[in-house]
C-alpha atoms as a PDB file:
ATOM      1  CA  MET A   1     -25.649  -2.816 -20.421  1.00  0.00           C
ATOM      2  CA  ASN A   2     -22.928  -0.676 -19.627  1.00  0.00           C
ATOM      3  CA  ILE A   3     -20.516  -0.311 -22.933  1.00  0.00           C
ATOM      4  CA  PHE A   4     -17.338  -1.284 -21.251  1.00  0.00           C
ATOM      5  CA  THR A   5     -18.857  -4.364 -19.199  1.00  0.00           C
ATOM      6  CA  TYR A   6     -20.401  -5.422 -22.594  1.00  0.00           C
ATOM      7  CA  ASN A   7     -17.231  -5.237 -24.532  1.00  0.00           C
ATOM      8  CA  GLY A   8     -15.549  -6.965 -21.594  1.00  0.00           C
ATOM      9  CA  LEU A   9     -17.647  -9.676 -21.817  1.00  0.00           C
ATOM     10  CA  CYS A  10     -18.111 -10.140 -25.339  1.00  0.00           C
ATOM     11  CA  GLN A  11     -14.081 -10.033 -25.194  1.00  0.00           C
ATOM     12  CA  ILE A  12     -14.213 -13.234 -22.344  1.00  0.00           C
ATOM     13  CA  LEU A  13     -17.009 -14.772 -23.827  1.00  0.00           C
ATOM     14  CA  GLY A  14     -17.076 -13.922 -27.696  1.00  0.00           C
ATOM     15  CA  GLU A  15     -19.302 -11.539 -29.014  1.00  0.00           C
ATOM     16  CA  GLU A  16     -21.212 -14.112 -30.375  1.00  0.00           C
ATOM     17  CA  ASN A  17     -22.234 -15.728 -26.780  1.00  0.00           C
ATOM     18  CA  VAL A  18     -23.315 -12.107 -25.535  1.00  0.00           C
ATOM     19  CA  ILE A  19     -27.294 -10.923 -26.143  1.00  0.00           C
ATOM     20  CA  THR A  20     -28.182  -7.575 -25.499  1.00  0.00           C
ATOM     21  CA  TYR A  21     -32.300  -6.792 -24.752  1.00  0.00           C
ATOM     22  CA  PRO A  22     -33.186  -4.621 -25.327  1.00  0.00           C
ATOM     23  CA  TYR A  23     -31.360  -3.104 -28.359  1.00  0.00           C
ATOM     24  CA  HIS A  24     -28.529  -0.244 -27.132  1.00  0.00           C
ATOM     25  CA  LYS A  25     -27.718   1.889 -30.607  1.00  0.00           C
ATOM     26  CA  GLU A  26     -24.622   2.912 -29.006  1.00  0.00           C
ATOM     27  CA  TYR A  27     -22.945  -0.477 -28.417  1.00  0.00           C
ATOM     28  CA  SER A  28     -22.893  -1.022 -32.651  1.00  0.00           C
ATOM     29  CA  GLU A  29     -23.711   2.030 -34.561  1.00  0.00           C
ATOM     30  CA  SER A  30     -21.903   5.178 -32.819  1.00  0.00           C
ATOM     31  CA  SER A  31     -19.794   5.889 -29.305  1.00  0.00           C
ATOM     32  CA  TYR A  32     -17.799   8.837 -28.258  1.00  0.00           C
ATOM     33  CA  TRP A  33     -15.397   6.438 -26.399  1.00  0.00           C
ATOM     34  CA  GLU A  34     -12.991   5.919 -29.293  1.00  0.00           C
ATOM     35  CA  LEU A  35     -11.425   3.128 -27.189  1.00  0.00           C
ATOM     36  CA  VAL A  36     -14.578   0.950 -27.477  1.00  0.00           C
ATOM     37  CA  GLN A  37     -15.028  -1.861 -29.950  1.00  0.00           C
ATOM     38  CA  LEU A  38     -18.282  -1.633 -32.033  1.00  0.00           C
ATOM     39  CA  ARG A  39     -20.361  -4.759 -32.108  1.00  0.00           C
ATOM     40  CA  ASN A  40     -22.757  -6.454 -33.962  1.00  0.00           C
ATOM     41  CA  GLN A  41     -26.561  -6.786 -32.566  1.00  0.00           C
ATOM     42  CA  ASN A  42     -29.278  -8.317 -33.428  1.00  0.00           C
ATOM     43  CA  ASN A  43     -32.625  -6.452 -32.045  1.00  0.00           C
ATOM     44  CA  TYR A  44     -34.319  -8.747 -30.214  1.00  0.00           C
ATOM     45  CA  SER A  45     -37.829  -8.562 -29.311  1.00  0.00           C
ATOM     46  CA  GLU A  46     -39.292  -9.663 -25.826  1.00  0.00           C
ATOM     47  CA  GLN A  47     -40.790 -13.333 -27.279  1.00  0.00           C
ATOM     48  CA  ASP A  48     -37.338 -13.852 -28.867  1.00  0.00           C
ATOM     49  CA  ILE A  49     -35.718 -13.430 -25.506  1.00  0.00           C
ATOM     50  CA  VAL A  50     -38.335 -15.722 -23.897  1.00  0.00           C
ATOM     51  CA  SER A  51     -38.162 -18.892 -26.666  1.00  0.00           C
ATOM     52  CA  MET A  52     -34.207 -18.439 -26.118  1.00  0.00           C
ATOM     53  CA  ILE A  53     -34.735 -18.784 -22.298  1.00  0.00           C
ATOM     54  CA  LYS A  54     -36.715 -21.718 -23.198  1.00  0.00           C
ATOM     55  CA  ARG A  55     -34.118 -23.120 -25.598  1.00  0.00           C
ATOM     56  CA  GLY A  56     -31.920 -23.212 -22.869  1.00  0.00           C
ATOM     57  CA  GLU A  57     -29.468 -20.457 -24.397  1.00  0.00           C
ATOM     58  CA  PHE A  58     -28.642 -18.483 -21.206  1.00  0.00           C
ATOM     59  CA  SER A  59     -26.396 -19.626 -18.536  1.00  0.00           C
ATOM     60  CA  TYR A  60     -26.500 -16.063 -16.989  1.00  0.00           C
ATOM     61  CA  SER A  61     -28.528 -12.932 -16.780  1.00  0.00           C
ATOM     62  CA  PHE A  62     -26.920  -9.004 -16.366  1.00  0.00           C
ATOM     63  CA  ALA A  63     -28.466  -6.846 -15.035  1.00  0.00           C
ATOM     64  CA  THR A  64     -26.405  -3.663 -15.511  1.00  0.00           C
ATOM     65  CA  PRO A  65     -26.829   0.161 -14.046  1.00  0.00           C
ATOM     66  CA  HIS A  66     -29.825   1.982 -15.081  1.00  0.00           C
ATOM     67  CA  ILE A  67     -31.756  -1.250 -16.233  1.00  0.00           C
ATOM     68  CA  ASP A  68     -35.271  -0.531 -16.985  1.00  0.00           C
ATOM     69  CA  VAL A  69     -36.621  -2.827 -14.124  1.00  0.00           C
ATOM     70  CA  SER A  70     -39.994  -3.825 -15.811  1.00  0.00           C
ATOM     71  CA  ARG A  71     -38.348  -5.390 -18.543  1.00  0.00           C
ATOM     72  CA  PHE A  72     -37.392  -7.689 -16.189  1.00  0.00           C
ATOM     73  CA  VAL A  73     -40.502  -8.210 -14.229  1.00  0.00           C
ATOM     74  CA  SER A  74     -42.084  -9.085 -17.919  1.00  0.00           C
ATOM     75  CA  LEU A  75     -39.718 -11.524 -18.300  1.00  0.00           C
ATOM     76  CA  LYS A  76     -40.438 -13.195 -15.150  1.00  0.00           C
ATOM     77  CA  ASP A  77     -43.923 -13.522 -15.792  1.00  0.00           C
ATOM     78  CA  LYS A  78     -43.671 -15.470 -18.649  1.00  0.00           C
ATOM     79  CA  VAL A  79     -40.171 -17.864 -17.904  1.00  0.00           C
ATOM     80  CA  ASP A  80     -37.826 -18.835 -15.470  1.00  0.00           C
ATOM     81  CA  ILE A  81     -34.790 -16.061 -15.729  1.00  0.00           C
ATOM     82  CA  PRO A  82     -31.652 -18.084 -15.502  1.00  0.00           C
ATOM     83  CA  PRO A  83     -29.451 -16.768 -12.528  1.00  0.00           C
ATOM     84  CA  ILE A  84     -29.184 -12.738 -12.657  1.00  0.00           C
ATOM     85  CA  VAL A  85     -26.090 -11.097 -11.506  1.00  0.00           C
ATOM     86  CA  ALA A  86     -26.567  -7.753 -10.811  1.00  0.00           C
ATOM     87  CA  ILE A  87     -23.875  -4.916 -11.794  1.00  0.00           C
ATOM     88  CA  ASP A  88     -24.212  -1.511  -9.614  1.00  0.00           C
ATOM     89  CA  GLY A  89     -26.561   0.415  -9.676  1.00  0.00           C
ATOM     90  CA  ASN A  90     -29.646  -2.009  -9.416  1.00  0.00           C
ATOM     91  CA  ASP A  91     -30.731  -1.636  -6.154  1.00  0.00           C
ATOM     92  CA  LYS A  92     -34.187  -1.576  -7.013  1.00  0.00           C
ATOM     93  CA  LEU A  93     -34.278  -4.693  -9.157  1.00  0.00           C
ATOM     94  CA  LYS A  94     -33.795  -6.949  -5.560  1.00  0.00           C
ATOM     95  CA  ASN A  95     -37.075  -5.515  -4.553  1.00  0.00           C
ATOM     96  CA  TYR A  96     -38.768  -7.208  -7.713  1.00  0.00           C
ATOM     97  CA  ILE A  97     -36.334 -10.406  -8.355  1.00  0.00           C
ATOM     98  CA  LYS A  98     -33.494 -12.205  -6.461  1.00  0.00           C
ATOM     99  CA  CYS A  99     -30.646 -11.318  -7.653  1.00  0.00           C
ATOM    100  CA  LYS A 100     -27.522 -14.712  -7.507  1.00  0.00           C
ATOM    101  CA  VAL A 101     -24.852 -11.848  -6.337  1.00  0.00           C
ATOM    102  CA  THR A 102     -24.675  -8.300  -6.911  1.00  0.00           C
ATOM    103  CA  PHE A 103     -21.059  -6.595  -7.438  1.00  0.00           C
ATOM    104  CA  LYS A 104     -20.902  -3.080  -5.936  1.00  0.00           C
ATOM    105  CA  ARG A 105     -18.293  -0.340  -6.932  1.00  0.00           C
ATOM    106  CA  GLU A 106     -18.225   0.778  -3.415  1.00  0.00           C
ATOM    107  CA  ILE A 107     -18.996  -1.810  -0.525  1.00  0.00           C
ATOM    108  CA  LYS A 108     -17.389  -1.491   3.299  1.00  0.00           C
ATOM    109  CA  ARG A 109     -17.705  -4.886   4.183  1.00  0.00           C
ATOM    110  CA  GLU A 110     -18.192  -8.063   1.642  1.00  0.00           C
ATOM    111  CA  THR A 111     -21.273 -10.273   2.179  1.00  0.00           C
ATOM    112  CA  GLU A 112     -22.612 -13.504   0.535  1.00  0.00           C
ATOM    113  CA  GLU A 113     -25.095 -10.951  -1.498  1.00  0.00           C
ATOM    114  CA  TYR A 114     -22.465  -8.059  -2.690  1.00  0.00           C
ATOM    115  CA  ILE A 115     -19.248  -8.463  -3.693  1.00  0.00           C
ATOM    116  CA  PRO A 116     -16.793  -5.442  -4.191  1.00  0.00           C
ATOM    117  CA  LEU A 117     -16.169  -4.536  -8.053  1.00  0.00           C
ATOM    118  CA  PRO A 118     -14.181  -1.435  -8.130  1.00  0.00           C
ATOM    119  CA  PHE A 119     -13.807   0.335 -11.384  1.00  0.00           C
ATOM    120  CA  SER A 120     -10.386  -0.176 -13.632  1.00  0.00           C
ATOM    121  CA  SER A 121      -8.596   1.304 -16.303  1.00  0.00           C
ATOM    122  CA  TYR A 122      -9.158   0.166 -20.407  1.00  0.00           C
ATOM    123  CA  ILE A 123      -5.515  -0.533 -21.415  1.00  0.00           C
ATOM    124  CA  ILE A 124      -4.829   0.178 -24.945  1.00  0.00           C
ATOM    125  CA  ASP A 125      -2.088  -1.020 -27.299  1.00  0.00           C
ATOM    126  CA  ASP A 126      -1.073   2.061 -28.728  1.00  0.00           C
ATOM    127  CA  SER A 127       2.512   3.244 -29.428  1.00  0.00           C
ATOM    128  CA  ARG A 128       1.880   6.936 -28.468  1.00  0.00           C
ATOM    129  CA  PHE A 129       1.850   5.617 -25.003  1.00  0.00           C
ATOM    130  CA  ASN A 130       3.296   2.114 -24.256  1.00  0.00           C
ATOM    131  CA  ASN A 131       6.917   2.683 -24.840  1.00  0.00           C
ATOM    132  CA  ILE A 132       7.149   5.874 -22.683  1.00  0.00           C
ATOM    133  CA  ASP A 133      10.200   4.878 -20.306  1.00  0.00           C
ATOM    134  CA  ASP A 134      10.846   7.040 -17.296  1.00  0.00           C
ATOM    135  CA  ASN A 135      13.629   8.565 -19.041  1.00  0.00           C
ATOM    136  CA  LYS A 136      11.094  10.186 -21.443  1.00  0.00           C
ATOM    137  CA  LYS A 137       8.898  11.760 -19.093  1.00  0.00           C
ATOM    138  CA  GLU A 138       8.222  15.414 -20.228  1.00  0.00           C
ATOM    139  CA  TYR A 139       6.056  16.557 -16.543  1.00  0.00           C
ATOM    140  CA  ASP A 140       6.865  15.752 -13.057  1.00  0.00           C
ATOM    141  CA  VAL A 141       2.975  16.219 -12.240  1.00  0.00           C
ATOM    142  CA  PHE A 142      -0.171  15.718 -14.110  1.00  0.00           C
ATOM    143  CA  PHE A 143      -3.291  17.139 -12.584  1.00  0.00           C
ATOM    144  CA  SER A 144      -7.096  16.484 -14.439  1.00  0.00           C
ATOM    145  CA  ILE A 145      -9.832  17.577 -12.246  1.00  0.00           C
ATOM    146  CA  TRP A 146     -13.741  17.684 -13.958  1.00  0.00           C
ATOM    147  CA  SER A 147     -14.480  21.158 -12.171  1.00  0.00           C
ATOM    148  CA  LEU A 148     -13.347  22.920  -8.713  1.00  0.00           C
ATOM    149  CA  SER A 149     -16.993  22.200  -7.236  1.00  0.00           C
ATOM    150  CA  ASN A 150     -14.874  19.615  -5.146  1.00  0.00           C
ATOM    151  CA  LYS A 151     -13.336  21.435  -2.468  1.00  0.00           C
ATOM    152  CA  LYS A 152     -10.372  18.674  -2.332  1.00  0.00           C
ATOM    153  CA  ARG A 153      -9.415  18.822  -5.508  1.00  0.00           C
ATOM    154  CA  GLU A 154     -10.104  22.817  -6.064  1.00  0.00           C
ATOM    155  CA  LEU A 155      -7.284  22.898  -2.795  1.00  0.00           C
ATOM    156  CA  VAL A 156      -5.153  20.241  -4.403  1.00  0.00           C
ATOM    157  CA  TYR A 157      -5.125  22.225  -7.642  1.00  0.00           C
ATOM    158  CA  ASN A 158      -4.247  25.344  -6.426  1.00  0.00           C
ATOM    159  CA  ILE A 159      -1.325  23.978  -4.176  1.00  0.00           C
ATOM    160  CA  LEU A 160       0.408  22.350  -7.488  1.00  0.00           C
ATOM    161  CA  ARG A 161       0.219  25.896  -9.066  1.00  0.00           C
ATOM    162  CA  LYS A 162       2.135  27.441  -5.930  1.00  0.00           C
ATOM    163  CA  MET A 163       5.007  24.861  -6.040  1.00  0.00           C
ATOM    164  CA  LYS A 164       8.042  26.433  -7.899  1.00  0.00           C
ATOM    165  CA  GLY A 165      10.246  24.660 -10.191  1.00  0.00           C
ATOM    166  CA  LEU A 166       7.696  21.778 -11.580  1.00  0.00           C
ATOM    167  CA  LYS A 167       7.293  20.861 -14.705  1.00  0.00           C
ATOM    168  CA  LEU A 168       3.408  21.145 -14.246  1.00  0.00           C
ATOM    169  CA  LYS A 169       0.584  20.193 -16.724  1.00  0.00           C
ATOM    170  CA  LEU A 170      -2.780  20.904 -15.166  1.00  0.00           C
ATOM    171  CA  CYS A 171      -5.763  19.623 -17.036  1.00  0.00           C
ATOM    172  CA  LEU A 172      -9.291  21.474 -15.970  1.00  0.00           C
ATOM    173  CA  TYR A 173     -12.703  20.229 -17.448  1.00  0.00           C
ATOM    174  CA  GLN A 174     -14.915  23.250 -16.971  1.00  0.00           C
ATOM    175  CA  ASN A 175     -18.975  23.249 -18.306  1.00  0.00           C
ATOM    176  CA  GLY A 176     -19.077  19.509 -19.217  1.00  0.00           C
ATOM    177  CA  MET A 177     -15.950  20.318 -21.860  1.00  0.00           C
ATOM    178  CA  TYR A 178     -12.627  18.464 -22.397  1.00  0.00           C
ATOM    179  CA  LYS A 179      -9.806  19.923 -22.516  1.00  0.00           C
ATOM    180  CA  TYR A 180      -8.191  17.173 -24.288  1.00  0.00           C
ATOM    181  CA  PRO A 181      -9.489  14.265 -26.610  1.00  0.00           C
ATOM    182  CA  LEU A 182      -9.191  11.366 -24.960  1.00  0.00           C
ATOM    183  CA  MET A 183      -6.082   9.996 -26.493  1.00  0.00           C
ATOM    184  CA  GLU A 184      -4.552  13.435 -25.719  1.00  0.00           C
ATOM    185  CA  TYR A 185      -4.821  12.783 -22.435  1.00  0.00           C
ATOM    186  CA  LEU A 186      -3.989   9.918 -21.932  1.00  0.00           C
ATOM    187  CA  THR A 187      -0.601  10.350 -23.678  1.00  0.00           C
ATOM    188  CA  LEU A 188      -0.125  13.160 -21.233  1.00  0.00           C
ATOM    189  CA  LEU A 189      -0.903  11.057 -18.529  1.00  0.00           C
ATOM    190  CA  ALA A 190       1.927   8.336 -19.807  1.00  0.00           C
ATOM    191  CA  LYS A 191       4.183  11.399 -20.231  1.00  0.00           C
ATOM    192  CA  SER A 192       4.263  12.574 -16.425  1.00  0.00           C
ATOM    193  CA  LYS A 193       6.195  11.319 -13.779  1.00  0.00           C
ATOM    194  CA  ILE A 194       3.249  11.617 -11.096  1.00  0.00           C
ATOM    195  CA  SER A 195      -0.219  12.356 -11.225  1.00  0.00           C
ATOM    196  CA  ILE A 196      -2.794  12.301  -8.276  1.00  0.00           C
ATOM    197  CA  ALA A 197      -6.415  10.779  -8.084  1.00  0.00           C
ATOM    198  CA  ILE A 198      -8.547  12.546  -5.281  1.00  0.00           C
ATOM    199  CA  SER A 199     -12.391  10.881  -4.378  1.00  0.00           C
ATOM    200  CA  GLY A 200     -15.050  12.564  -5.672  1.00  0.00           C
ATOM    201  CA  ALA A 201     -18.620  12.041  -4.908  1.00  0.00           C
ATOM    202  CA  GLY A 202     -18.085   8.578  -4.595  1.00  0.00           C
ATOM    203  CA  GLU A 203     -14.626   6.917  -3.215  1.00  0.00           C
ATOM    204  CA  ASP A 204     -13.805   4.860  -5.957  1.00  0.00           C
ATOM    205  CA  THR A 205     -12.824   7.003  -9.186  1.00  0.00           C
ATOM    206  CA  VAL A 206     -11.434   5.682 -12.893  1.00  0.00           C
ATOM    207  CA  ARG A 207      -8.399   7.873 -12.576  1.00  0.00           C
ATOM    208  CA  TYR A 208      -7.504   5.918  -9.331  1.00  0.00           C
ATOM    209  CA  TRP A 209      -6.972   2.924 -11.605  1.00  0.00           C
ATOM    210  CA  GLU A 210      -5.813   4.798 -14.897  1.00  0.00           C
ATOM    211  CA  ILE A 211      -2.839   6.700 -13.306  1.00  0.00           C
ATOM    212  CA  PRO A 212      -0.674   3.389 -12.189  1.00  0.00           C
ATOM    213  CA  SER A 213      -2.267   1.814 -15.948  1.00  0.00           C
ATOM    214  CA  TYR A 214       0.249   4.173 -17.846  1.00  0.00           C
ATOM    215  CA  LYS A 215       3.240   3.787 -16.136  1.00  0.00           C
ATOM    216  CA  THR A 216       2.780   7.110 -13.882  1.00  0.00           C
ATOM    217  CA  MET A 217       3.086   7.306  -9.978  1.00  0.00           C
ATOM    218  CA  LEU A 218       0.041   7.348  -8.282  1.00  0.00           C
ATOM    219  CA  ILE A 219      -0.568   9.727  -5.051  1.00  0.00           C
ATOM    220  CA  SER A 220      -3.371   9.502  -3.805  1.00  0.00           C
ATOM    221  CA  ASN A 221      -6.193   9.549  -0.904  1.00  0.00           C
ATOM    222  CA  GLU A 222      -6.234   6.304   1.112  1.00  0.00           C
ATOM    223  CA  ARG A 223      -9.391   4.670   0.368  1.00  0.00           C
ATOM    224  CA  THR A 224     -12.111   3.073   2.543  1.00  0.00           C
ATOM    225  CA  ASN A 225     -14.052   1.179   0.474  1.00  0.00           C
ATOM    226  CA  ILE A 226     -13.174  -2.512  -0.126  1.00  0.00           C
ATOM    227  CA  ILE A 227     -10.442  -2.733  -3.002  1.00  0.00           C
ATOM    228  CA  PRO A 228      -9.719  -6.543  -3.504  1.00  0.00           C
ATOM    229  CA  ASN A 229      -5.601  -6.494  -4.696  1.00  0.00           C
ATOM    230  CA  ASN A 230      -5.441  -2.881  -4.159  1.00  0.00           C
ATOM    231  CA  PHE A 231      -1.742  -1.076  -4.404  1.00  0.00           C
ATOM    232  CA  ILE A 232       0.580  -1.112  -1.877  1.00  0.00           C
ATOM    233  CA  ASP A 233       1.088   2.060  -0.226  1.00  0.00           C
ATOM    234  CA  GLY A 234       5.112   3.166  -0.683  1.00  0.00           C
ATOM    235  CA  GLU A 235       5.475   0.022  -3.454  1.00  0.00           C
ATOM    236  CA  GLU A 236       2.802   0.343  -6.359  1.00  0.00           C
ATOM    237  CA  ALA A 237       0.916   3.696  -4.998  1.00  0.00           C
ATOM    238  CA  VAL A 238       1.618   6.456  -2.577  1.00  0.00           C
ATOM    239  CA  PHE A 239      -1.444   7.265   0.076  1.00  0.00           C
ATOM    240  CA  TYR A 240      -1.628  10.323   1.924  1.00  0.00           C
ATOM    241  CA  ASN A 241      -3.765  10.892   5.082  1.00  0.00           C
ATOM    242  CA  ASN A 242      -3.217  14.766   4.725  1.00  0.00           C
ATOM    243  CA  ILE A 243      -3.799  16.547   1.921  1.00  0.00           C
ATOM    244  CA  GLU A 244      -0.745  19.069   2.942  1.00  0.00           C
ATOM    245  CA  MET A 245       1.135  16.375   2.584  1.00  0.00           C
ATOM    246  CA  ILE A 246       1.156  16.083  -1.391  1.00  0.00           C
ATOM    247  CA  PRO A 247       4.140  18.756  -1.712  1.00  0.00           C
ATOM    248  CA  TYR A 248       6.565  16.402   0.173  1.00  0.00           C
ATOM    249  CA  LEU A 249       5.448  13.793  -1.429  1.00  0.00           C
ATOM    250  CA  ILE A 250       6.385  14.764  -4.882  1.00  0.00           C
ATOM    251  CA  GLU A 251       9.159  16.557  -3.648  1.00  0.00           C
ATOM    252  CA  GLY A 252      10.784  13.581  -2.267  1.00  0.00           C
ATOM    253  CA  TYR A 253       9.933  11.487  -5.268  1.00  0.00           C
ATOM    254  CA  LEU A 254      11.170  14.108  -7.533  1.00  0.00           C
ATOM    255  CA  LYS A 255      14.546  14.029  -5.235  1.00  0.00           C
ATOM    256  CA  ASP A 256      14.619  10.404  -5.063  1.00  0.00           C
ATOM    257  CA  ASN A 257      14.426   9.476  -9.232  1.00  0.00           C
ATOM    258  CA  LYS A 258      16.283  12.067 -10.238  1.00  0.00           C
END
């Protein structure tokens, strides 16, 4: 199960009501995500799970991304599995087992079978950035990208570097290495007036949600995937149709908010 999905379910339902199978070491013993609470798990066998299902201890089964489909198939041969809720990344599962519903990160059209579930931001209660108001913002623009392999992001990176008079903070990850530890990255984001999120390999990105979560203005390309309750252009975020608009959007916002 994705570690954030698992933690979310534990927070909502209670840790004692969420059973993992198979055991996931990273959920209980170690995690490079310093935001995530480590949880207690039992290392259940398949027979344990079969017995618990027969006793009616589960209301739903969650099939998370990259699950070993053979485990579900093996269980299905032994017991009637509770209704299955599949999380994005389980496209192969439907070839073997019928899912009650599938949440997809990126879909163009909602159906009874597929429900949109975009990324989100993990909100942290930390005084390092929760108490930063507009008057305490240190940077005009913060732009963070994984690498220059994405042409659209490279173009924006170079546009920002050429802009004059900006208090600019650029964060470029290279060779798979983070330039800043996670909490420092979030603090820099919170200390910036504007940040930019650009679609990459997929339409949805975590940064799209992180930026407004930390009270920073979001500038982004318009997204074509279904996003329930998306940000309102001009009120909660600013969307552009052409990358060349970005300098004018930045200059206009900074001028209006001096």
